[in-house]
């Protein structure tokens, strides 16, 4: 299903209860792989015979109530619900029929805001540099190398609750990236019987549309970062220094919280989720899933501002 439709999640329907009860996500697939994989010498053919109900039973301990919203709710309410519940997908459900009308994501919302940005009041901080705003995760970045095995990357995804791993060399320079969505290639290629292969090898199966790791630096403005992440249609930018060494990650949820929730004061408690820090994501097997990074540095303290209205160092 994930491979044929190139989706990251799908609503789960309970025929006995006659309603949607959760979201099936790539995180669930990763957890199943991690549970059943033992070695390259033991095949996992039974995975192809599994029913969705089997997955739900195996992952029962992580099941959370479905988080959804109605079609008459405001966009602000949807953004707040996504961020406070630490989820990436919010089903919009018809209250009369119980049907899922569509699914809202950080990516679609930020794209909408960017498309209409010229029709909205532009805050001056859009021209502030990232190093002044301190948006994103700028410490304790979880990384891997091209020699890291797939199974080890899966452990990092689950145990550290991160959604992507920048791949670095021995000097800490950015070489590539391996994200949760890349795991779907294992299903598409049916190569999940050997998860001891390296991430470099795994990335050889990446689709031809991949154009390299999208990155930025701390001297770029918030508007530049917003434009790049929307135009590249990615979920995160890797922050690098002048030597291309990884110093942080900025996610869609970081941007939405700073742009929408922070000005209203509604980011408290939601906040300051840090994909690569100590605050854990919810599990979206509700199924809430991966969250990208939000840093405790993002909006925590009132800072002095310079003449342009940007916070000082």
Protein backbone atom coordinates (compact mmCIF):
# COMPACT_ATOMS: atom_id res chain seq x y z
CA UNK A 1 0.00 0.00 0.00
CA UNK A 2 2.73 2.49 0.96
CA UNK A 3 4.79 1.58 -2.09
CA UNK A 4 1.98 1.55 -4.65
CA UNK A 5 0.59 4.93 -3.62
CA UNK A 6 3.75 6.63 -2.34
CA UNK A 7 2.03 7.67 0.88
CA UNK A 8 3.41 7.88 4.40
CA UNK A 9 0.25 6.96 6.29
CA UNK A 10 -3.28 5.65 5.79
CA UNK A 11 -6.40 5.72 8.02
CA UNK A 12 -7.36 2.41 9.62
CA UNK A 13 -11.01 1.38 9.50
CA UNK A 14 -12.47 -0.92 12.18
CA UNK A 15 -15.32 -2.82 10.55
CA UNK A 16 -16.72 -4.03 13.87
CA UNK A 17 -16.83 -0.56 15.40
CA UNK A 18 -17.69 1.04 12.04
CA UNK A 19 -15.30 3.92 12.43
CA UNK A 20 -11.71 4.97 11.83
CA UNK A 21 -9.54 3.99 14.76
CA UNK A 22 -6.03 5.02 13.83
CA UNK A 23 -3.35 5.72 11.26
CA UNK A 24 -1.09 3.10 9.77
CA UNK A 25 2.33 4.68 9.31
CA UNK A 26 5.83 3.95 8.14
CA UNK A 27 6.84 3.93 11.80
CA UNK A 28 4.66 0.83 12.24
CA UNK A 29 6.41 -0.88 9.34
CA UNK A 30 9.78 -0.01 10.90
CA UNK A 31 8.75 -1.45 14.27
CA UNK A 32 7.54 -4.66 12.62
CA UNK A 33 10.85 -5.02 10.77
CA UNK A 34 12.76 -4.42 13.98
CA UNK A 35 10.69 -7.00 15.88
CA UNK A 36 10.95 -9.78 13.30
CA UNK A 37 14.48 -9.32 11.99
CA UNK A 38 17.15 -11.59 13.48
CA UNK A 39 19.86 -12.03 10.83
CA UNK A 40 20.42 -12.08 7.07
CA UNK A 41 20.19 -15.88 7.21
CA UNK A 42 16.59 -15.90 8.43
CA UNK A 43 13.99 -14.80 5.90
CA UNK A 44 10.95 -12.75 6.79
CA UNK A 45 8.59 -14.13 4.15
CA UNK A 46 5.75 -14.15 6.66
CA UNK A 47 5.68 -10.36 6.59
CA UNK A 48 4.04 -10.47 3.18
CA UNK A 49 1.25 -12.62 4.60
CA UNK A 50 0.50 -10.35 7.56
CA UNK A 51 -2.88 -8.71 7.78
CA UNK A 52 -3.22 -5.18 9.15
CA UNK A 53 -5.01 -6.61 12.18
CA UNK A 54 -1.86 -8.61 12.95
CA UNK A 55 0.18 -5.40 12.96
CA UNK A 56 -2.31 -3.76 15.28
CA UNK A 57 -2.11 -6.66 17.71
CA UNK A 58 1.70 -6.76 17.64
CA UNK A 59 1.90 -3.00 18.18
CA UNK A 60 -0.98 -2.88 20.64
CA UNK A 61 1.07 -1.33 23.42
CA UNK A 62 1.64 1.82 21.39
CA UNK A 63 -1.92 2.37 20.22
CA UNK A 64 -3.25 5.84 21.01
CA UNK A 65 -6.73 7.29 20.41
CA UNK A 66 -7.18 8.68 16.91
CA UNK A 67 -6.62 12.43 16.77
CA UNK A 68 -8.86 14.08 14.16
CA UNK A 69 -10.57 17.35 13.36
CA UNK A 70 -13.82 18.48 11.72
CA UNK A 71 -14.14 20.30 8.38
CA UNK A 72 -15.50 23.46 10.04
CA UNK A 73 -12.44 23.91 12.26
CA UNK A 74 -10.00 26.71 11.51
CA UNK A 75 -6.56 26.27 10.01
CA UNK A 76 -5.10 27.65 13.23
CA UNK A 77 -6.88 24.93 15.24
CA UNK A 78 -5.49 22.29 12.88
CA UNK A 79 -1.93 23.59 13.21
CA UNK A 80 -2.22 23.75 16.98
CA UNK A 81 -3.61 20.20 17.10
CA UNK A 82 -0.82 18.85 14.91
CA UNK A 83 1.88 20.42 17.04
CA UNK A 84 0.42 19.94 20.53
CA UNK A 85 -0.31 16.27 19.78
CA UNK A 86 3.10 15.87 18.16
CA UNK A 87 1.73 14.18 15.06
CA UNK A 88 2.39 14.65 11.36
CA UNK A 89 -1.03 13.83 9.96
CA UNK A 90 -4.43 15.07 10.98
CA UNK A 91 -7.48 13.38 9.41
CA UNK A 92 -10.39 15.70 8.67
CA UNK A 93 -13.49 13.63 9.42
CA UNK A 94 -17.07 14.36 8.42
CA UNK A 95 -19.02 14.39 11.72
CA UNK A 96 -22.17 13.06 10.04
CA UNK A 97 -20.82 10.23 7.91
CA UNK A 98 -17.58 9.50 9.75
CA UNK A 99 -15.73 9.53 6.43
CA UNK A 100 -12.19 10.86 6.15
CA UNK A 101 -12.45 13.84 3.82
CA UNK A 102 -8.72 14.52 3.59
CA UNK A 103 -5.58 14.48 5.68
CA UNK A 104 -3.77 17.64 6.73
CA UNK A 105 0.01 17.65 7.07
CA UNK A 106 2.67 20.16 8.06
CA UNK A 107 3.94 20.08 4.50
CA UNK A 108 0.63 21.00 2.88
CA UNK A 109 -0.12 23.72 5.41
CA UNK A 110 3.28 25.39 5.08
CA UNK A 111 2.98 25.27 1.29
CA UNK A 112 -0.44 26.94 1.52
CA UNK A 113 0.93 29.69 3.77
CA UNK A 114 3.87 30.27 1.45
CA UNK A 115 1.69 30.47 -1.67
CA UNK A 116 -0.42 33.19 -0.06
CA UNK A 117 2.36 34.91 1.87
CA UNK A 118 2.19 38.02 -0.31
CA UNK A 119 -1.47 38.46 0.62
CA UNK A 120 -0.78 38.23 4.35
CA UNK A 121 0.89 40.71 6.70
CA UNK A 122 4.63 39.99 6.57
CA UNK A 123 6.32 40.07 9.98
CA UNK A 124 9.77 41.64 10.00
CA UNK A 125 11.34 38.54 11.53
CA UNK A 126 11.02 36.77 8.16
CA UNK A 127 14.18 38.68 7.24
CA UNK A 128 16.00 37.70 10.44
CA UNK A 129 18.86 35.21 10.31
CA UNK A 130 18.48 31.74 11.76
CA UNK A 131 21.34 32.30 14.19
CA UNK A 132 19.33 35.16 15.73
CA UNK A 133 16.00 33.33 15.81
CA UNK A 134 17.44 30.02 17.06
CA UNK A 135 14.82 27.93 15.29
CA UNK A 136 15.15 24.17 15.05
CA UNK A 137 17.37 21.61 16.71
CA UNK A 138 20.86 22.99 17.10
CA UNK A 139 22.40 20.49 19.50
CA UNK A 140 22.49 16.74 20.20
CA UNK A 141 21.88 15.87 16.55
CA UNK A 142 21.43 12.15 16.00
CA UNK A 143 23.54 11.15 13.00
CA UNK A 144 24.86 8.06 11.24
CA UNK A 145 27.54 7.23 8.69
CA UNK A 146 27.32 5.61 5.28
CA UNK A 147 28.69 2.43 6.90
CA UNK A 148 25.88 2.29 9.48
CA UNK A 149 23.62 -0.73 8.88
CA UNK A 150 19.94 -0.42 8.07
CA UNK A 151 18.94 -2.29 11.23
CA UNK A 152 20.99 0.12 13.35
CA UNK A 153 19.30 3.06 11.61
CA UNK A 154 15.90 1.51 12.39
CA UNK A 155 16.90 1.26 16.05
CA UNK A 156 17.84 4.93 16.03
CA UNK A 157 14.48 5.85 14.46
CA UNK A 158 12.57 3.95 17.14
CA UNK A 159 14.74 4.49 20.23
CA UNK A 160 15.65 8.12 19.61
CA UNK A 161 12.31 8.87 17.95
CA UNK A 162 13.83 10.75 15.07
CA UNK A 163 12.54 10.89 11.52
CA UNK A 164 15.81 11.30 9.62
CA UNK A 165 19.52 10.71 10.09
CA UNK A 166 22.10 12.98 8.45
CA UNK A 167 24.95 10.79 7.21
CA UNK A 168 28.34 12.27 8.02
CA UNK A 169 31.99 11.43 7.37
CA UNK A 170 34.71 11.14 10.02
CA UNK A 171 35.05 14.94 10.11
CA UNK A 172 31.34 15.48 10.68
CA UNK A 173 30.70 16.73 7.15
CA UNK A 174 27.33 16.05 5.56
CA UNK A 175 27.43 13.28 2.95
CA UNK A 176 23.83 12.12 2.62
CA UNK A 177 20.65 11.55 4.60
CA UNK A 178 18.53 8.51 5.47
CA UNK A 179 14.91 9.16 6.43
CA UNK A 180 12.06 7.00 7.62
CA UNK A 181 10.38 7.28 4.24
CA UNK A 182 13.45 5.68 2.63
CA UNK A 183 12.60 2.49 4.50
CA UNK A 184 9.69 2.00 2.12
CA UNK A 185 12.25 1.16 -0.56
CA UNK A 186 12.90 -2.05 1.39
CA UNK A 187 9.32 -3.09 0.74
CA UNK A 188 9.32 -1.91 -2.87
CA UNK A 189 12.51 -3.85 -3.63
CA UNK A 190 11.67 -6.69 -1.20
CA UNK A 191 15.14 -6.35 0.29
CA UNK A 192 14.12 -6.42 3.96
CA UNK A 193 15.57 -9.90 4.49
CA UNK A 194 19.04 -8.41 4.89
CA UNK A 195 19.04 -5.35 7.11
CA UNK A 196 22.74 -5.63 7.86
CA UNK A 197 23.68 -3.86 4.63
CA UNK A 198 25.02 -0.32 4.86
CA UNK A 199 22.98 2.85 4.42
CA UNK A 200 25.19 3.72 1.46
CA UNK A 201 24.04 0.51 -0.22
CA UNK A 202 20.45 1.13 0.83
CA UNK A 203 20.47 4.58 -0.72
CA UNK A 204 21.37 3.09 -4.09
CA UNK A 205 17.73 2.03 -4.29
CA UNK A 206 16.56 5.59 -3.83
CA UNK A 207 14.26 6.91 -6.55
CA UNK A 208 15.75 8.89 -9.41
CA UNK A 209 13.93 12.05 -8.27
CA UNK A 210 16.25 12.45 -5.29
CA UNK A 211 18.32 15.60 -5.87
CA UNK A 212 20.61 15.48 -2.87
CA UNK A 213 20.34 16.61 0.73
CA UNK A 214 18.59 19.96 1.16
CA UNK A 215 20.55 22.14 3.56
CA UNK A 216 20.93 25.68 4.87
CA UNK A 217 23.20 27.71 7.16
CA UNK A 218 22.60 29.96 10.14
CA UNK A 219 23.24 33.14 8.14
CA UNK A 220 20.21 32.58 5.92
CA UNK A 221 16.92 34.30 6.68
CA UNK A 222 13.74 32.65 7.87
CA UNK A 223 12.08 33.55 4.57
CA UNK A 224 14.91 31.89 2.59
CA UNK A 225 14.54 28.72 4.63
CA UNK A 226 10.77 28.71 4.30
CA UNK A 227 11.02 29.15 0.52
CA UNK A 228 13.62 26.40 0.13
CA UNK A 229 11.79 23.80 2.18
CA UNK A 230 8.53 24.47 0.31
CA UNK A 231 10.04 24.51 -3.19
CA UNK A 232 12.15 21.41 -2.54
CA UNK A 233 9.07 19.64 -1.11
CA UNK A 234 11.07 18.16 1.76
CA UNK A 235 10.29 17.71 5.44
CA UNK A 236 13.50 19.17 6.83
CA UNK A 237 16.68 21.08 6.06
CA UNK A 238 20.04 20.06 7.50
CA UNK A 239 21.89 23.02 9.01
CA UNK A 240 25.60 23.08 8.13
CA UNK A 241 28.50 25.44 8.81
CA UNK A 242 31.00 26.87 6.33
CA UNK A 243 32.84 23.53 6.26
CA UNK A 244 29.62 21.61 5.55
CA UNK A 245 29.65 20.10 9.04
CA UNK A 246 26.23 19.27 10.47
CA UNK A 247 25.17 21.70 13.20
CA UNK A 248 21.39 21.27 13.29
CA UNK A 249 18.11 20.40 11.63
CA UNK A 250 15.09 22.59 10.85
CA UNK A 251 11.78 20.87 10.26
CA UNK A 252 8.37 21.80 8.93
CA UNK A 253 6.96 21.70 12.45
CA UNK A 254 9.69 24.05 13.69
CA UNK A 255 8.67 26.59 11.06
CA UNK A 256 4.94 26.26 11.67
CA UNK A 257 5.30 26.63 15.40
CA UNK A 258 7.48 29.71 15.05
CA UNK A 259 5.32 31.33 12.37
CA UNK A 260 1.86 30.50 13.72
CA UNK A 261 1.82 29.40 17.36
CA UNK A 262 4.66 31.43 18.85
CA UNK A 263 3.11 34.86 18.08
CA UNK A 264 -0.09 33.82 19.87
CA UNK A 265 1.65 32.30 22.89
CA UNK A 266 0.02 28.94 22.15
CA UNK A 267 3.27 27.02 21.71
CA UNK A 268 3.75 26.37 25.41
CA UNK A 269 3.47 22.74 26.21
CA UNK A 270 3.61 21.91 22.50
CA UNK A 271 6.96 23.16 22.40
CA UNK A 272 9.52 22.77 22.13
CA UNK A 273 9.67 19.37 20.82
CA UNK A 274 13.13 18.40 19.82
CA UNK A 275 13.47 15.60 17.33
CA UNK A 276 17.08 15.13 18.30
CA UNK A 277 16.76 16.07 21.93
CA UNK A 278 15.29 14.65 25.12
CA UNK A 279 11.62 15.44 24.51
CA UNK A 280 10.03 12.40 22.92
CA UNK A 281 7.66 12.23 20.03
CA UNK A 282 4.33 10.53 20.29
CA UNK A 283 3.88 7.31 18.37
CA UNK A 284 1.38 7.90 15.61
CA UNK A 285 0.00 4.40 15.78
CA UNK A 286 -3.05 5.85 17.22
CA UNK A 287 -1.00 5.72 15.74
CA UNK A 288 0.76 9.31 16.11
CA UNK A 289 4.23 8.97 14.32
CA UNK A 290 7.44 10.70 13.67
CA UNK A 291 7.87 14.30 14.56
CA UNK A 292 10.54 16.38 13.14
CA UNK A 293 12.66 18.57 15.28
CA UNK A 294 11.86 21.49 17.41
CA UNK A 295 14.45 22.93 19.62
CA UNK A 296 14.30 24.10 23.17
CA UNK A 297 16.32 27.01 21.82
CA UNK A 298 13.54 28.03 19.43
CA UNK A 299 11.24 30.32 21.34
CA UNK A 300 12.05 29.92 24.97
CA UNK A 301 13.33 33.26 26.20
CA UNK A 302 12.47 36.88 25.57
CA UNK A 303 15.53 38.33 23.89
CA UNK A 304 16.75 41.78 23.14
CA UNK A 305 16.12 42.80 19.54
CA UNK A 306 18.30 44.66 17.10
CA UNK A 307 17.19 47.59 14.99
CA UNK A 308 15.64 45.29 12.40
CA UNK A 309 13.51 43.62 15.07
CA UNK A 310 15.60 40.45 15.18
CA UNK A 311 16.49 38.91 18.56
CA UNK A 312 20.07 39.58 19.66
CA UNK A 313 22.70 36.97 20.29
